[in-house]
Protein backbone atom coordinates (compact mmCIF):
# COMPACT_ATOMS: atom_id res chain seq x y z
CA ILE A 1 12.76 -8.00 15.21
CA ASN A 2 11.33 -5.34 13.03
CA THR A 3 8.70 -7.31 11.25
CA ALA A 4 5.07 -7.29 11.89
CA SER A 5 4.23 -10.87 11.86
CA LEU A 6 0.43 -11.43 11.89
CA GLY A 7 -0.86 -14.70 13.62
CA GLN A 8 2.07 -15.84 15.84
CA GLN A 9 1.63 -14.09 19.37
CA TYR A 10 -1.06 -11.51 20.53
CA ALA A 11 -2.08 -8.93 23.07
CA TYR A 12 -5.50 -7.31 22.70
CA LEU A 13 -5.97 -3.85 23.01
CA PRO A 14 -9.52 -2.52 22.53
CA HIS A 15 -9.64 -1.28 18.61
CA CYS A 16 -6.05 -0.82 18.60
CA VAL A 17 -2.93 -2.92 18.42
CA LYS A 18 0.72 -1.25 18.92
CA PRO A 19 3.95 -2.54 17.96
CA SER A 20 6.44 -3.56 20.53
CA SER A 21 8.50 -0.20 21.42
CA THR A 22 11.62 -2.07 21.54
CA SER A 23 11.30 -4.58 18.55
CA GLY A 24 9.09 -2.82 16.16
CA ALA A 25 7.08 -5.94 15.69
CA ALA A 26 3.19 -5.65 15.75
CA ILE A 27 1.36 -8.12 17.74
CA ILE A 28 -1.99 -9.04 16.27
CA PRO A 29 -4.42 -11.69 17.27
CA PRO A 30 -3.96 -15.10 15.44
CA VAL A 31 -7.62 -15.22 14.62
CA ASP A 32 -8.09 -11.92 12.77
CA TRP A 33 -8.91 -12.28 9.13
CA PHE A 34 -8.81 -8.62 8.14
CA ILE A 35 -6.59 -5.63 8.99
CA ASN A 36 -8.77 -2.71 10.33
CA ASN A 37 -8.77 0.68 9.05
CA GLY A 38 -5.71 2.51 10.33
CA LEU A 39 -4.60 -0.53 12.46
CA PHE A 40 -1.05 0.60 12.24
CA TYR A 41 -1.41 4.19 12.07
CA THR A 42 1.85 6.00 13.00
CA SER A 43 3.47 2.77 14.31
CA ASN A 44 7.22 1.89 14.02
CA ILE A 45 7.01 -1.38 12.10
CA LYS A 46 9.69 -1.81 9.66
CA SER A 47 8.26 -4.66 7.52
CA ILE A 48 5.11 -6.73 7.52
CA ILE A 49 4.20 -10.35 6.82
CA ILE A 50 0.64 -11.19 6.57
CA PRO A 51 -0.71 -14.91 6.67
CA ASP A 52 -2.99 -16.29 3.91
CA SER A 53 -6.04 -16.10 6.61
CA VAL A 54 -6.30 -12.37 6.16
CA GLU A 55 -8.94 -11.63 3.59
CA ARG A 56 -9.31 -7.83 3.81
CA ILE A 57 -6.94 -4.98 4.51
CA GLU A 58 -9.12 -1.77 5.30
CA TYR A 59 -8.66 2.05 4.20
CA GLY A 60 -5.44 3.51 5.68
CA ALA A 61 -4.01 0.40 7.32
CA PHE A 62 -0.45 1.48 7.20
CA TYR A 63 -1.11 5.25 7.18
CA ASN A 64 1.82 7.27 8.40
CA CYS A 65 4.07 4.23 8.96
CA THR A 66 7.22 6.12 8.49
CA SER A 67 9.80 3.24 9.42
CA LEU A 68 7.95 0.75 7.10
CA THR A 69 10.27 -0.09 4.36
CA THR A 70 9.28 -3.38 3.13
CA VAL A 71 5.89 -5.04 2.13
CA PRO A 72 5.44 -8.48 0.36
CA SER A 73 4.79 -7.91 -3.39
CA ASN A 74 1.59 -9.92 -3.06
CA LEU A 75 0.09 -8.07 -0.11
CA LEU A 76 -2.64 -6.72 -2.15
CA PRO A 77 -3.63 -9.54 -4.59
CA ALA A 78 -7.22 -8.36 -5.25
CA THR A 79 -8.20 -8.17 -8.97
CA THR A 80 -11.70 -6.62 -8.19
CA LEU A 81 -11.62 -3.57 -6.52
CA LYS A 82 -14.34 -1.66 -4.38
CA THR A 83 -14.85 1.92 -3.90
CA GLY A 84 -11.93 3.38 -1.90
CA CYS A 85 -10.49 0.19 -0.98
CA TYR A 86 -6.88 1.16 -0.94
CA GLU A 87 -7.39 4.87 -0.35
CA ASN A 88 -4.63 6.31 1.88
CA MET A 89 -3.35 2.72 2.47
CA PHE A 90 0.37 3.88 2.74
CA ARG A 91 -0.10 7.48 2.88
CA ILE A 92 3.08 9.21 4.73
CA SER A 93 4.78 5.99 4.98
CA SER A 94 8.07 7.71 4.03
CA GLY A 95 10.49 4.68 4.43
CA LEU A 96 8.65 2.64 1.77
CA THR A 97 10.73 1.97 -1.33
CA THR A 98 8.84 -0.60 -3.29
CA ALA A 99 4.99 -0.71 -3.69
CA PRO A 100 3.15 -4.13 -3.65
CA ASP A 101 2.17 -5.23 -6.97
CA LEU A 102 -1.47 -4.00 -8.07
CA PRO A 103 -2.80 -6.59 -10.26
CA ALA A 104 -6.46 -5.18 -10.64
CA THR A 105 -7.18 -4.19 -14.39
CA THR A 106 -10.23 -2.30 -13.63
CA LEU A 107 -9.94 0.36 -11.04
CA ALA A 108 -12.94 1.50 -8.92
CA VAL A 109 -13.81 5.03 -7.68
CA ASP A 110 -11.02 6.37 -5.28
CA CYS A 111 -9.53 2.97 -4.97
CA TYR A 112 -5.82 4.29 -5.11
CA ASN A 113 -6.63 7.73 -3.95
CA CYS A 114 -3.77 9.30 -2.08
CA MET A 115 -2.47 5.49 -1.75
CA PHE A 116 1.21 6.52 -1.71
CA GLU A 117 0.92 10.08 -1.36
CA TYR A 118 4.16 11.60 0.76
CA CYS A 119 5.96 8.09 0.28
CA ASN A 120 9.18 10.26 -0.19
CA ASN A 121 11.16 7.16 -1.00
CA LEU A 122 8.93 5.06 -3.06
CA SER A 123 10.58 4.46 -6.50
CA TYR A 124 8.99 1.15 -7.72
CA VAL A 125 5.45 0.65 -8.53
CA LYS A 126 4.02 -2.19 -10.56
CA CYS A 127 0.29 -1.47 -11.57
CA LEU A 128 -1.58 -3.53 -14.37
CA ALA A 129 -4.53 -1.26 -14.76
CA THR A 130 -5.84 -1.15 -18.15
CA ASP A 131 -9.04 0.93 -17.08
CA LYS A 132 -8.80 3.76 -14.99
CA SER A 133 -11.68 5.63 -16.15
CA ALA A 134 -13.31 5.64 -12.54
CA ASN A 135 -13.51 8.97 -10.94
CA SER A 136 -10.52 9.76 -8.78
CA CYS A 137 -9.21 6.31 -8.99
CA THR A 138 -5.65 7.59 -8.78
CA TYR A 139 -6.02 11.13 -7.55
CA ASN A 140 -2.77 12.13 -5.90
CA TRP A 141 -1.66 8.47 -5.60
CA LEU A 142 1.96 9.28 -6.22
CA TYR A 143 2.38 12.70 -5.01
CA ARG A 144 5.57 13.39 -3.43
CA VAL A 145 7.24 10.09 -4.04
CA SER A 146 10.73 9.81 -5.45
CA SER A 147 11.80 12.04 -8.29
CA THR A 148 13.05 8.92 -9.96
CA GLY A 149 11.75 5.45 -10.21
CA THR A 150 10.43 2.46 -12.21
CA PHE A 151 6.83 2.17 -13.30
CA VAL A 152 5.76 -1.20 -14.53
CA LYS A 153 2.48 -1.11 -16.46
CA ALA A 154 0.07 -3.43 -18.50
CA SER A 155 1.57 -3.53 -22.03
CA SER A 156 -1.76 -2.50 -23.43
CA MET A 157 -2.42 0.39 -21.28
CA ASN A 158 -1.16 3.58 -22.99
CA ASP A 159 -3.43 6.08 -21.42
CA TRP A 160 -1.30 6.86 -18.21
CA PRO A 161 -1.03 10.52 -17.68
CA THR A 162 2.49 11.88 -15.94
CA GLY A 163 2.23 13.69 -12.70
CA GLU A 164 1.02 12.76 -9.11
CA SER A 165 -2.25 11.34 -10.45
CA GLY A 166 -0.43 9.10 -13.02
CA ILE A 167 3.00 8.17 -13.71
CA PRO A 168 5.62 10.51 -11.75
CA SER A 169 7.71 12.82 -14.23
CA GLY A 170 11.37 11.41 -14.20
CA TRP A 171 10.27 7.66 -13.74
CA THR A 172 11.18 4.99 -16.17
CA ILE A 173 8.20 3.28 -17.72
CA GLN A 174 8.49 -0.48 -18.52
CA ASN A 175 5.79 -2.93 -19.84
CA ALA A 176 4.97 -6.05 -17.89
């Protein structure tokens, strides 16, 4: 099993949950309603399934998960964002190919800051933001991702810059 499935079985380690060294499955207490800051930091999980009981995923939760290749498209359903909420979320998760959908229309300060930075295989992002006027909301969020890919945006959003803090150069742009 190469999936982190939250809420099935668990082993508690103080402030830290480590995936099984043989299966790649993360073991999380079934009562958890949030994923701590850096919970999976540098783990070798390959995919993740999160139950509806999880209400909050904190800063950098999947930072440097280089084996992580798959996340559910609805992993980050928030439509109202707080300052820095997804900052560094998947940074250096170089195996990730498809980003979870990002349905929020108004971005907050630093909300996507470095979110997918160094995700070298990332080639698909769907972001429905129509207001990205907040300071550093997408700073380096797509720095060092795949040189080709698809970016799906809200059809009414025409202010996306190109480059690592916008839509990567070389990517195809589609309207949602």
